[in-house]
Amino acid sequence: MSDDRVPSARSINRRSALRLLGTAGLLTAAAPLARAQATPTPEVPLNGNGFYRQRIGDLTVTVVSDGTAPLAAVLPTWGANPDRQAEFAATLAEYHVPTTNTVNHFNPVVIETDTHRVLIDTGRGGANGQLLTHLRRAGIDPASIDTVFITHGHGDHIGGLTTQGQPTFPAARHVMGAAEFSFWTAQPNPNAAVQANLIGLRDRLTLLEPGAEIVPGLTAVASPGHTAGHLSVRAQRGGPGLLVFGDAAGHFLLSLKHRGAYVSFDADGPLAARTRQRLFAQAVDEGLWVTGYHFPFPAIGHLRRVIGGAYEYEPTVWQWS
């Protein structure tokens, strides 16, 4: 006598088959997801940890920090006019900017066009330089830099051109202003940085004049005063432009707020101050983005005019990606 409550072998086999088919269907459906998880799509690193990437028109601009150095006192280094020290101190206090025991920032810039990857200035190099570390964190291989442009010959801008006696950017064409190169290399006793990183790389250097094209979309801009042959960079393709000041902008607060202010390491203080006024006016009138080599990281934003013909720096609102 059979018991209908006991499943037959046939029904067991049928149920097992259905279960197997269901499992196989789930596995088939999950296979593309599993493959996608196994081979993730590479992503551009999020901003931070030493670099900040900003899209400007058809350009990709990455400020790459070379780190900071201790700065014992803002004055008179960043505001050197001897008769205006109290005025400068009042402005620093108004904006809650520390006047002592602070840091100096160093901010090279990478600009990517559709055909070129250009590095503007190379930081300090040596044990203190952070440029290479932060380039790699930004996903930029130093070997992929095809053009290196030097704004001027101070050591914190040319120090990273070589590493252990070899070119740091071996695939790059190196570009510098002719007058600036001549000034530094014609000194009776060129300093070690000039010897290693300018004279030593002379065969790699292309020397140009103000107004010349560095690569399509990037132009050298005359900005004398900080040094006699200092060149800034104007970059623009398919949208708003960018003015890379180098050291022509001076201090992010004092040089903008106080017409005629100069810094202690300007070769010609009055000329540097006049140059700053011209560049600041151009940036505002043309709605340009700006970046300053010694501005606080991420050192990119805009300028605006304020009462009395002064200017203020407006840092960009941080975007993670």
C-alpha atoms as a PDB file:
ATOM      1  CA  MET A   1       0.000   0.000   0.000  1.00  0.00           C
ATOM      2  CA  SER A   2       1.497   3.334  -1.106  1.00  0.00           C
ATOM      3  CA  ASP A   3       1.710   6.485   0.985  1.00  0.00           C
ATOM      4  CA  ASP A   4       0.931   9.577  -1.119  1.00  0.00           C
ATOM      5  CA  ARG A   5       2.791  11.702   1.430  1.00  0.00           C
ATOM      6  CA  VAL A   6       6.113  10.087   0.481  1.00  0.00           C
ATOM      7  CA  PRO A   7       7.542  11.732  -2.667  1.00  0.00           C
ATOM      8  CA  SER A   8       8.349   9.376  -5.512  1.00  0.00           C
ATOM      9  CA  ALA A   9      11.801   9.080  -7.061  1.00  0.00           C
ATOM     10  CA  ARG A  10      10.384  10.730 -10.161  1.00  0.00           C
ATOM     11  CA  SER A  11       9.166  13.806  -8.235  1.00  0.00           C
ATOM     12  CA  ILE A  12      12.488  14.019  -6.375  1.00  0.00           C
ATOM     13  CA  ASN A  13      14.388  14.015  -9.654  1.00  0.00           C
ATOM     14  CA  ARG A  14      12.060  16.647 -11.113  1.00  0.00           C
ATOM     15  CA  ARG A  15      12.420  18.935  -8.095  1.00  0.00           C
ATOM     16  CA  SER A  16      16.203  18.498  -8.097  1.00  0.00           C
ATOM     17  CA  ALA A  17      16.318  19.363 -11.761  1.00  0.00           C
ATOM     18  CA  LEU A  18      14.294  22.537 -11.202  1.00  0.00           C
ATOM     19  CA  ARG A  19      16.543  23.533  -8.347  1.00  0.00           C
ATOM     20  CA  LEU A  20      19.611  22.950 -10.511  1.00  0.00           C
ATOM     21  CA  LEU A  21      18.112  24.935 -13.372  1.00  0.00           C
ATOM     22  CA  GLY A  22      17.321  27.810 -10.994  1.00  0.00           C
ATOM     23  CA  THR A  23      20.828  27.787  -9.600  1.00  0.00           C
ATOM     24  CA  ALA A  24      22.310  27.712 -13.071  1.00  0.00           C
ATOM     25  CA  GLY A  25      20.135  30.656 -14.101  1.00  0.00           C
ATOM     26  CA  LEU A  26      21.268  32.667 -11.107  1.00  0.00           C
ATOM     27  CA  LEU A  27      24.893  31.863 -11.838  1.00  0.00           C
ATOM     28  CA  THR A  28      24.452  32.831 -15.487  1.00  0.00           C
ATOM     29  CA  ALA A  29      22.838  36.119 -14.529  1.00  0.00           C
ATOM     30  CA  ALA A  30      25.533  36.841 -11.967  1.00  0.00           C
ATOM     31  CA  ALA A  31      28.433  36.045 -14.295  1.00  0.00           C
ATOM     32  CA  PRO A  32      28.666  39.507 -15.945  1.00  0.00           C
ATOM     33  CA  LEU A  33      28.624  41.156 -12.508  1.00  0.00           C
ATOM     34  CA  ALA A  34      31.318  38.799 -11.276  1.00  0.00           C
ATOM     35  CA  ARG A  35      33.446  39.564 -14.335  1.00  0.00           C
ATOM     36  CA  ALA A  36      32.910  43.311 -13.824  1.00  0.00           C
ATOM     37  CA  GLN A  37      33.946  43.014 -10.184  1.00  0.00           C
ATOM     38  CA  ALA A  38      37.013  41.022 -11.159  1.00  0.00           C
ATOM     39  CA  THR A  39      38.146  43.650 -13.716  1.00  0.00           C
ATOM     40  CA  PRO A  40      37.186  47.059 -12.274  1.00  0.00           C
ATOM     41  CA  THR A  41      37.251  50.111 -14.546  1.00  0.00           C
ATOM     42  CA  PRO A  42      40.243  52.345 -13.720  1.00  0.00           C
ATOM     43  CA  GLU A  43      39.158  55.571 -12.054  1.00  0.00           C
ATOM     44  CA  VAL A  44      40.786  58.980 -11.867  1.00  0.00           C
ATOM     45  CA  PRO A  45      42.036  59.443  -8.277  1.00  0.00           C
ATOM     46  CA  LEU A  46      39.970  61.744  -6.096  1.00  0.00           C
ATOM     47  CA  ASN A  47      41.432  65.154  -5.406  1.00  0.00           C
ATOM     48  CA  GLY A  48      43.521  65.465  -2.264  1.00  0.00           C
ATOM     49  CA  ASN A  49      46.703  64.067  -0.765  1.00  0.00           C
ATOM     50  CA  GLY A  50      48.932  66.457  -2.676  1.00  0.00           C
ATOM     51  CA  PHE A  51      47.110  67.248  -5.916  1.00  0.00           C
ATOM     52  CA  TYR A  52      43.999  69.032  -7.153  1.00  0.00           C
ATOM     53  CA  ARG A  53      42.544  68.480 -10.638  1.00  0.00           C
ATOM     54  CA  GLN A  54      40.298  71.068 -12.324  1.00  0.00           C
ATOM     55  CA  ARG A  55      38.689  71.016 -15.761  1.00  0.00           C
ATOM     56  CA  ILE A  56      38.919  74.436 -17.508  1.00  0.00           C
ATOM     57  CA  GLY A  57      37.394  74.468 -20.978  1.00  0.00           C
ATOM     58  CA  ASP A  58      39.116  71.714 -22.946  1.00  0.00           C
ATOM     59  CA  LEU A  59      42.090  71.695 -20.573  1.00  0.00           C
ATOM     60  CA  THR A  60      42.700  69.484 -17.572  1.00  0.00           C
ATOM     61  CA  VAL A  61      44.692  71.408 -14.973  1.00  0.00           C
ATOM     62  CA  THR A  62      46.304  69.663 -12.009  1.00  0.00           C
ATOM     63  CA  VAL A  63      47.990  71.631  -9.247  1.00  0.00           C
ATOM     64  CA  VAL A  64      50.616  69.275  -7.833  1.00  0.00           C
ATOM     65  CA  SER A  65      52.015  70.282  -4.458  1.00  0.00           C
ATOM     66  CA  ASP A  66      55.760  70.082  -3.947  1.00  0.00           C
ATOM     67  CA  GLY A  67      55.053  70.275  -0.228  1.00  0.00           C
ATOM     68  CA  THR A  68      55.702  73.103   2.190  1.00  0.00           C
ATOM     69  CA  ALA A  69      58.607  74.599   4.088  1.00  0.00           C
ATOM     70  CA  PRO A  70      58.593  76.248   7.525  1.00  0.00           C
ATOM     71  CA  LEU A  71      58.214  80.022   7.431  1.00  0.00           C
ATOM     72  CA  ALA A  72      59.226  81.790  10.628  1.00  0.00           C
ATOM     73  CA  ALA A  73      57.562  85.115   9.778  1.00  0.00           C
ATOM     74  CA  VAL A  74      55.315  86.412   6.979  1.00  0.00           C
ATOM     75  CA  LEU A  75      56.719  89.934   7.368  1.00  0.00           C
ATOM     76  CA  PRO A  76      58.878  91.292   5.900  1.00  0.00           C
ATOM     77  CA  THR A  77      59.324  88.270   3.580  1.00  0.00           C
ATOM     78  CA  TRP A  78      55.950  88.575   1.833  1.00  0.00           C
ATOM     79  CA  GLY A  79      55.484  92.313   2.370  1.00  0.00           C
ATOM     80  CA  ALA A  80      58.864  93.987   2.218  1.00  0.00           C
ATOM     81  CA  ASN A  81      58.088  97.717   1.870  1.00  0.00           C
ATOM     82  CA  PRO A  82      59.792  99.077   5.019  1.00  0.00           C
ATOM     83  CA  ASP A  83      57.358 101.951   5.486  1.00  0.00           C
ATOM     84  CA  ARG A  84      54.223  99.755   5.262  1.00  0.00           C
ATOM     85  CA  GLN A  85      54.842  97.035   7.842  1.00  0.00           C
ATOM     86  CA  ALA A  86      52.059  98.160  10.186  1.00  0.00           C
ATOM     87  CA  GLU A  87      49.615  98.337   7.264  1.00  0.00           C
ATOM     88  CA  PHE A  88      50.521  94.819   6.163  1.00  0.00           C
ATOM     89  CA  ALA A  89      50.269  93.476   9.709  1.00  0.00           C
ATOM     90  CA  ALA A  90      46.775  94.943  10.055  1.00  0.00           C
ATOM     91  CA  THR A  91      45.628  93.185   6.888  1.00  0.00           C
ATOM     92  CA  LEU A  92      47.004  89.840   8.038  1.00  0.00           C
ATOM     93  CA  ALA A  93      45.191  90.259  11.355  1.00  0.00           C
ATOM     94  CA  GLU A  94      41.942  91.232   9.615  1.00  0.00           C
ATOM     95  CA  TYR A  95      41.996  88.008   7.582  1.00  0.00           C
ATOM     96  CA  HIS A  96      43.196  85.855  10.495  1.00  0.00           C
ATOM     97  CA  VAL A  97      46.347  84.862   8.608  1.00  0.00           C
ATOM     98  CA  PRO A  98      49.155  83.652  10.915  1.00  0.00           C
ATOM     99  CA  THR A  99      52.137  85.976  10.897  1.00  0.00           C
ATOM    100  CA  THR A 100      54.660  83.611  12.476  1.00  0.00           C
ATOM    101  CA  ASN A 101      55.433  79.877  12.577  1.00  0.00           C
ATOM    102  CA  THR A 102      53.571  79.191   9.344  1.00  0.00           C
ATOM    103  CA  VAL A 103      54.556  77.525   6.054  1.00  0.00           C
ATOM    104  CA  ASN A 104      55.471  78.403   2.492  1.00  0.00           C
ATOM    105  CA  HIS A 105      53.692  76.449  -0.268  1.00  0.00           C
ATOM    106  CA  PHE A 106      55.165  75.276  -3.596  1.00  0.00           C
ATOM    107  CA  ASN A 107      52.708  74.457  -6.385  1.00  0.00           C
ATOM    108  CA  PRO A 108      53.850  73.263  -9.819  1.00  0.00           C
ATOM    109  CA  VAL A 109      51.070  72.798 -12.377  1.00  0.00           C
ATOM    110  CA  VAL A 110      50.339  70.151 -15.018  1.00  0.00           C
ATOM    111  CA  ILE A 111      48.208  71.239 -17.980  1.00  0.00           C
ATOM    112  CA  GLU A 112      46.846  68.582 -20.328  1.00  0.00           C
ATOM    113  CA  THR A 113      45.593  69.480 -23.797  1.00  0.00           C
ATOM    114  CA  ASP A 114      44.326  67.012 -26.373  1.00  0.00           C
ATOM    115  CA  THR A 115      47.904  66.438 -27.543  1.00  0.00           C
ATOM    116  CA  HIS A 116      50.295  67.547 -24.785  1.00  0.00           C
ATOM    117  CA  ARG A 117      50.990  67.099 -21.091  1.00  0.00           C
ATOM    118  CA  VAL A 118      52.897  70.153 -19.843  1.00  0.00           C
ATOM    119  CA  LEU A 119      54.507  70.608 -16.421  1.00  0.00           C
ATOM    120  CA  ILE A 120      55.054  74.211 -15.320  1.00  0.00           C
ATOM    121  CA  ASP A 121      57.951  74.430 -12.822  1.00  0.00           C
ATOM    122  CA  THR A 122      59.462  71.454 -11.036  1.00  0.00           C
ATOM    123  CA  GLY A 123      59.664  72.268  -7.344  1.00  0.00           C
ATOM    124  CA  ARG A 124      62.663  72.000  -5.069  1.00  0.00           C
ATOM    125  CA  GLY A 125      63.878  68.512  -5.896  1.00  0.00           C
ATOM    126  CA  GLY A 126      66.095  66.604  -3.494  1.00  0.00           C
ATOM    127  CA  ALA A 127      64.978  65.245  -0.139  1.00  0.00           C
ATOM    128  CA  ASN A 128      62.405  67.983   0.492  1.00  0.00           C
ATOM    129  CA  GLY A 129      60.636  67.853  -2.867  1.00  0.00           C
ATOM    130  CA  GLN A 130      57.261  66.131  -3.003  1.00  0.00           C
ATOM    131  CA  LEU A 131      56.466  66.624  -6.698  1.00  0.00           C
ATOM    132  CA  LEU A 132      57.162  63.085  -7.903  1.00  0.00           C
ATOM    133  CA  THR A 133      55.233  61.487  -5.041  1.00  0.00           C
ATOM    134  CA  HIS A 134      52.207  63.675  -5.672  1.00  0.00           C
ATOM    135  CA  LEU A 135      52.367  63.281  -9.459  1.00  0.00           C
ATOM    136  CA  ARG A 136      52.083  59.532  -8.997  1.00  0.00           C
ATOM    137  CA  ARG A 137      49.227  59.914  -6.523  1.00  0.00           C
ATOM    138  CA  ALA A 138      47.446  61.966  -9.204  1.00  0.00           C
ATOM    139  CA  GLY A 139      47.944  59.124 -11.693  1.00  0.00           C
ATOM    140  CA  ILE A 140      50.538  61.040 -13.726  1.00  0.00           C
ATOM    141  CA  ASP A 141      53.659  59.133 -14.774  1.00  0.00           C
ATOM    142  CA  PRO A 142      56.668  61.504 -14.891  1.00  0.00           C
ATOM    143  CA  ALA A 143      57.691  59.782 -18.142  1.00  0.00           C
ATOM    144  CA  SER A 144      54.397  60.949 -19.697  1.00  0.00           C
ATOM    145  CA  ILE A 145      55.309  64.646 -19.347  1.00  0.00           C
ATOM    146  CA  ASP A 146      56.217  65.786 -22.867  1.00  0.00           C
ATOM    147  CA  THR A 147      56.963  69.462 -22.097  1.00  0.00           C
ATOM    148  CA  VAL A 148      58.492  71.132 -19.034  1.00  0.00           C
ATOM    149  CA  PHE A 149      58.227  74.927 -18.853  1.00  0.00           C
ATOM    150  CA  ILE A 150      60.276  76.933 -16.342  1.00  0.00           C
ATOM    151  CA  THR A 151      58.964  80.346 -15.301  1.00  0.00           C
ATOM    152  CA  HIS A 152      62.289  81.512 -13.839  1.00  0.00           C
ATOM    153  CA  GLY A 153      65.580  80.318 -12.419  1.00  0.00           C
ATOM    154  CA  HIS A 154      65.050  80.283  -8.646  1.00  0.00           C
ATOM    155  CA  GLY A 155      65.987  76.995  -7.013  1.00  0.00           C
ATOM    156  CA  ASP A 156      62.462  76.116  -5.845  1.00  0.00           C
ATOM    157  CA  HIS A 157      61.349  76.123  -9.499  1.00  0.00           C
ATOM    158  CA  ILE A 158      64.274  74.363 -11.194  1.00  0.00           C
ATOM    159  CA  GLY A 159      65.394  71.997  -8.413  1.00  0.00           C
ATOM    160  CA  GLY A 160      63.248  69.113  -9.638  1.00  0.00           C
ATOM    161  CA  LEU A 161      64.589  69.138 -13.205  1.00  0.00           C
ATOM    162  CA  THR A 162      67.126  66.449 -12.341  1.00  0.00           C
ATOM    163  CA  THR A 163      67.149  63.500  -9.966  1.00  0.00           C
ATOM    164  CA  GLN A 164      70.493  61.993  -8.943  1.00  0.00           C
ATOM    165  CA  GLY A 165      72.133  63.755 -11.858  1.00  0.00           C
ATOM    166  CA  GLN A 166      69.687  62.547 -14.506  1.00  0.00           C
ATOM    167  CA  PRO A 167      66.739  64.347 -16.160  1.00  0.00           C
ATOM    168  CA  THR A 168      63.639  63.737 -14.055  1.00  0.00           C
ATOM    169  CA  PHE A 169      61.390  63.980 -17.121  1.00  0.00           C
ATOM    170  CA  PRO A 170      63.374  62.103 -19.746  1.00  0.00           C
ATOM    171  CA  ALA A 171      60.805  62.290 -22.535  1.00  0.00           C
ATOM    172  CA  ALA A 172      60.147  66.019 -22.149  1.00  0.00           C
ATOM    173  CA  ARG A 173      61.149  68.978 -24.215  1.00  0.00           C
ATOM    174  CA  HIS A 174      62.409  71.613 -21.738  1.00  0.00           C
ATOM    175  CA  VAL A 175      61.419  75.241 -22.353  1.00  0.00           C
ATOM    176  CA  MET A 176      62.499  78.508 -20.715  1.00  0.00           C
ATOM    177  CA  GLY A 177      62.700  82.208 -21.499  1.00  0.00           C
ATOM    178  CA  ALA A 178      65.892  83.145 -23.338  1.00  0.00           C
ATOM    179  CA  ALA A 179      66.568  86.225 -21.195  1.00  0.00           C
ATOM    180  CA  GLU A 180      66.017  84.322 -17.951  1.00  0.00           C
ATOM    181  CA  PHE A 181      68.321  81.494 -18.984  1.00  0.00           C
ATOM    182  CA  SER A 182      71.030  83.927 -20.076  1.00  0.00           C
ATOM    183  CA  PHE A 183      70.864  85.830 -16.796  1.00  0.00           C
ATOM    184  CA  TRP A 184      71.359  82.808 -14.565  1.00  0.00           C
ATOM    185  CA  THR A 185      73.936  80.982 -16.655  1.00  0.00           C
ATOM    186  CA  ALA A 186      76.051  84.101 -17.257  1.00  0.00           C
ATOM    187  CA  GLN A 187      76.733  84.639 -13.538  1.00  0.00           C
ATOM    188  CA  PRO A 188      80.468  84.456 -12.666  1.00  0.00           C
ATOM    189  CA  ASN A 189      79.787  81.650 -10.184  1.00  0.00           C
ATOM    190  CA  PRO A 190      76.433  79.997 -10.971  1.00  0.00           C
ATOM    191  CA  ASN A 191      74.900  78.287  -7.958  1.00  0.00           C
ATOM    192  CA  ALA A 192      74.656  74.500  -7.739  1.00  0.00           C
ATOM    193  CA  ALA A 193      71.029  74.376  -8.874  1.00  0.00           C
ATOM    194  CA  VAL A 194      71.815  76.416 -11.974  1.00  0.00           C
ATOM    195  CA  GLN A 195      74.884  74.298 -12.700  1.00  0.00           C
ATOM    196  CA  ALA A 196      73.010  71.015 -12.468  1.00  0.00           C
ATOM    197  CA  ASN A 197      69.575  71.934 -13.765  1.00  0.00           C
ATOM    198  CA  LEU A 198      70.096  74.686 -16.346  1.00  0.00           C
ATOM    199  CA  ILE A 199      73.665  74.493 -17.597  1.00  0.00           C
ATOM    200  CA  GLY A 200      73.597  70.703 -17.270  1.00  0.00           C
ATOM    201  CA  LEU A 201      70.434  70.466 -19.371  1.00  0.00           C
ATOM    202  CA  ARG A 202      71.351  73.112 -21.953  1.00  0.00           C
ATOM    203  CA  ASP A 203      71.146  70.649 -24.841  1.00  0.00           C
ATOM    204  CA  ARG A 204      67.559  69.833 -23.927  1.00  0.00           C
ATOM    205  CA  LEU A 205      66.392  73.428 -23.527  1.00  0.00           C
ATOM    206  CA  THR A 206      64.342  75.387 -26.027  1.00  0.00           C
ATOM    207  CA  LEU A 207      64.685  79.114 -25.335  1.00  0.00           C
ATOM    208  CA  LEU A 208      61.838  81.431 -26.294  1.00  0.00           C
ATOM    209  CA  GLU A 209      60.672  85.045 -26.088  1.00  0.00           C
ATOM    210  CA  PRO A 210      57.614  86.532 -24.354  1.00  0.00           C
ATOM    211  CA  GLY A 211      54.488  85.975 -26.408  1.00  0.00           C
ATOM    212  CA  ALA A 212      55.776  82.746 -27.948  1.00  0.00           C
ATOM    213  CA  GLU A 213      53.725  79.563 -28.056  1.00  0.00           C
ATOM    214  CA  ILE A 214      54.896  76.854 -25.657  1.00  0.00           C
ATOM    215  CA  VAL A 215      52.519  74.235 -27.104  1.00  0.00           C
ATOM    216  CA  PRO A 216      49.232  74.951 -28.907  1.00  0.00           C
ATOM    217  CA  GLY A 217      46.982  76.730 -26.406  1.00  0.00           C
ATOM    218  CA  LEU A 218      49.763  77.787 -24.004  1.00  0.00           C
ATOM    219  CA  THR A 219      51.585  81.104 -24.394  1.00  0.00           C
ATOM    220  CA  ALA A 220      54.498  82.653 -22.503  1.00  0.00           C
ATOM    221  CA  VAL A 221      53.520  85.953 -20.835  1.00  0.00           C
ATOM    222  CA  ALA A 222      56.072  88.641 -19.946  1.00  0.00           C
ATOM    223  CA  SER A 223      55.981  89.181 -16.169  1.00  0.00           C
ATOM    224  CA  PRO A 224      59.276  90.830 -15.120  1.00  0.00           C
ATOM    225  CA  GLY A 225      60.180  92.124 -11.685  1.00  0.00           C
ATOM    226  CA  HIS A 226      60.366  89.041  -9.527  1.00  0.00           C
ATOM    227  CA  THR A 227      63.266  88.210 -11.823  1.00  0.00           C
ATOM    228  CA  ALA A 228      64.273  90.188 -14.885  1.00  0.00           C
ATOM    229  CA  GLY A 229      63.065  87.587 -17.377  1.00  0.00           C
ATOM    230  CA  HIS A 230      60.220  85.946 -15.448  1.00  0.00           C
ATOM    231  CA  LEU A 231      57.526  84.429 -17.685  1.00  0.00           C
ATOM    232  CA  SER A 232      54.003  83.453 -16.659  1.00  0.00           C
ATOM    233  CA  VAL A 233      51.735  81.227 -18.785  1.00  0.00           C
ATOM    234  CA  ARG A 234      48.374  81.915 -20.403  1.00  0.00           C
ATOM    235  CA  ALA A 235      46.457  78.704 -21.214  1.00  0.00           C
ATOM    236  CA  GLN A 236      43.153  78.566 -23.094  1.00  0.00           C
ATOM    237  CA  ARG A 237      41.352  76.033 -25.278  1.00  0.00           C
ATOM    238  CA  GLY A 238      37.620  75.740 -25.782  1.00  0.00           C
ATOM    239  CA  GLY A 239      36.455  77.869 -22.867  1.00  0.00           C
ATOM    240  CA  PRO A 240      37.662  80.175 -20.108  1.00  0.00           C
ATOM    241  CA  GLY A 241      41.397  80.674 -19.818  1.00  0.00           C
ATOM    242  CA  LEU A 242      43.920  80.185 -17.045  1.00  0.00           C
ATOM    243  CA  LEU A 243      46.778  82.442 -15.989  1.00  0.00           C
ATOM    244  CA  VAL A 244      49.609  80.539 -14.293  1.00  0.00           C
ATOM    245  CA  PHE A 245      51.363  83.305 -12.394  1.00  0.00           C
ATOM    246  CA  GLY A 246      54.472  81.466 -11.271  1.00  0.00           C
ATOM    247  CA  ASP A 247      55.970  83.914  -8.750  1.00  0.00           C
ATOM    248  CA  ALA A 248      54.618  86.989 -10.518  1.00  0.00           C
ATOM    249  CA  ALA A 249      51.594  87.172  -8.172  1.00  0.00           C
ATOM    250  CA  GLY A 250      53.547  87.402  -4.922  1.00  0.00           C
ATOM    251  CA  HIS A 251      51.535  86.851  -1.741  1.00  0.00           C
ATOM    252  CA  PHE A 252      47.918  85.652  -2.007  1.00  0.00           C
ATOM    253  CA  LEU A 253      46.747  88.459   0.283  1.00  0.00           C
ATOM    254  CA  LEU A 254      49.270  91.285   0.691  1.00  0.00           C
ATOM    255  CA  SER A 255      50.276  91.583  -2.969  1.00  0.00           C
ATOM    256  CA  LEU A 256      46.638  91.737  -4.036  1.00  0.00           C
ATOM    257  CA  LYS A 257      45.286  94.049  -1.334  1.00  0.00           C
ATOM    258  CA  HIS A 258      48.124  96.600  -1.351  1.00  0.00           C
ATOM    259  CA  ARG A 259      49.042  98.299  -4.600  1.00  0.00           C
ATOM    260  CA  GLY A 260      52.803  98.785  -4.795  1.00  0.00           C
ATOM    261  CA  ALA A 261      53.621  96.011  -2.313  1.00  0.00           C
ATOM    262  CA  TYR A 262      56.588  93.822  -3.135  1.00  0.00           C
ATOM    263  CA  VAL A 263      58.250  90.792  -1.558  1.00  0.00           C
ATOM    264  CA  SER A 264      61.770  90.427  -0.238  1.00  0.00           C
ATOM    265  CA  PHE A 265      62.949  88.111  -3.010  1.00  0.00           C
ATOM    266  CA  ASP A 266      61.730  90.315  -5.891  1.00  0.00           C
ATOM    267  CA  ALA A 267      64.756  91.398  -7.903  1.00  0.00           C
ATOM    268  CA  ASP A 268      63.049  94.711  -8.743  1.00  0.00           C
ATOM    269  CA  GLY A 269      60.284  95.413  -6.230  1.00  0.00           C
ATOM    270  CA  PRO A 270      58.608  98.415  -7.932  1.00  0.00           C
ATOM    271  CA  LEU A 271      58.616  96.661 -11.323  1.00  0.00           C
ATOM    272  CA  ALA A 272      57.241  93.467  -9.775  1.00  0.00           C
ATOM    273  CA  ALA A 273      54.409  95.482  -8.180  1.00  0.00           C
ATOM    274  CA  ARG A 274      53.524  97.125 -11.521  1.00  0.00           C
ATOM    275  CA  THR A 275      53.578  93.751 -13.266  1.00  0.00           C
ATOM    276  CA  ARG A 276      51.200  92.336 -10.637  1.00  0.00           C
ATOM    277  CA  GLN A 277      48.694  95.116 -11.204  1.00  0.00           C
ATOM    278  CA  ARG A 278      48.729  94.425 -14.951  1.00  0.00           C
ATOM    279  CA  LEU A 279      48.277  90.678 -14.512  1.00  0.00           C
ATOM    280  CA  PHE A 280      45.589  91.059 -11.847  1.00  0.00           C
ATOM    281  CA  ALA A 281      43.610  93.443 -14.082  1.00  0.00           C
ATOM    282  CA  GLN A 282      43.906  91.042 -17.007  1.00  0.00           C
ATOM    283  CA  ALA A 283      42.696  88.111 -14.921  1.00  0.00           C
ATOM    284  CA  VAL A 284      39.617  90.014 -13.719  1.00  0.00           C
ATOM    285  CA  ASP A 285      38.781  91.694 -17.029  1.00  0.00           C
ATOM    286  CA  GLU A 286      38.982  88.416 -18.949  1.00  0.00           C
ATOM    287  CA  GLY A 287      37.441  86.199 -16.270  1.00  0.00           C
ATOM    288  CA  LEU A 288      40.492  83.972 -16.134  1.00  0.00           C
ATOM    289  CA  TRP A 289      41.180  81.225 -13.659  1.00  0.00           C
ATOM    290  CA  VAL A 290      44.441  81.831 -11.813  1.00  0.00           C
ATOM    291  CA  THR A 291      47.002  79.802  -9.921  1.00  0.00           C
ATOM    292  CA  GLY A 292      49.931  81.136  -7.885  1.00  0.00           C
ATOM    293  CA  TYR A 293      53.046  79.131  -7.109  1.00  0.00           C
ATOM    294  CA  HIS A 294      53.145  80.157  -3.442  1.00  0.00           C
ATOM    295  CA  PHE A 295      49.395  80.517  -2.857  1.00  0.00           C
ATOM    296  CA  PRO A 296      47.972  78.140  -0.226  1.00  0.00           C
ATOM    297  CA  PHE A 297      47.208  74.729  -1.726  1.00  0.00           C
ATOM    298  CA  PRO A 298      45.204  73.991  -3.870  1.00  0.00           C
ATOM    299  CA  ALA A 299      46.209  77.447  -5.115  1.00  0.00           C
ATOM    300  CA  ILE A 300      43.603  77.796  -7.864  1.00  0.00           C
ATOM    301  CA  GLY A 301      40.590  80.073  -8.209  1.00  0.00           C
ATOM    302  CA  HIS A 302      39.734  83.568  -9.434  1.00  0.00           C
ATOM    303  CA  LEU A 303      40.428  87.208  -8.567  1.00  0.00           C
ATOM    304  CA  ARG A 304      37.969  90.040  -7.959  1.00  0.00           C
ATOM    305  CA  ARG A 305      38.280  93.788  -7.599  1.00  0.00           C
ATOM    306  CA  VAL A 306      37.439  95.464  -4.323  1.00  0.00           C
ATOM    307  CA  ILE A 307      37.101  99.090  -3.215  1.00  0.00           C
ATOM    308  CA  GLY A 308      40.085 101.310  -3.909  1.00  0.00           C
ATOM    309  CA  GLY A 309      41.472  99.383  -6.877  1.00  0.00           C
ATOM    310  CA  ALA A 310      42.667  96.453  -4.769  1.00  0.00           C
ATOM    311  CA  TYR A 311      42.075  92.780  -5.532  1.00  0.00           C
ATOM    312  CA  GLU A 312      41.154  89.654  -3.607  1.00  0.00           C
ATOM    313  CA  TYR A 313      41.853  86.019  -4.302  1.00  0.00           C
ATOM    314  CA  GLU A 314      38.812  83.712  -4.362  1.00  0.00           C
ATOM    315  CA  PRO A 315      39.894  80.068  -3.931  1.00  0.00           C
ATOM    316  CA  THR A 316      37.850  77.546  -5.859  1.00  0.00           C
ATOM    317  CA  VAL A 317      35.202  75.594  -3.967  1.00  0.00           C
ATOM    318  CA  TRP A 318      36.762  72.164  -3.399  1.00  0.00           C
ATOM    319  CA  GLN A 319      35.487  69.413  -5.675  1.00  0.00           C
ATOM    320  CA  TRP A 320      36.503  65.846  -4.895  1.00  0.00           C
ATOM    321  CA  SER A 321      36.353  64.695  -8.508  1.00  0.00           C
END
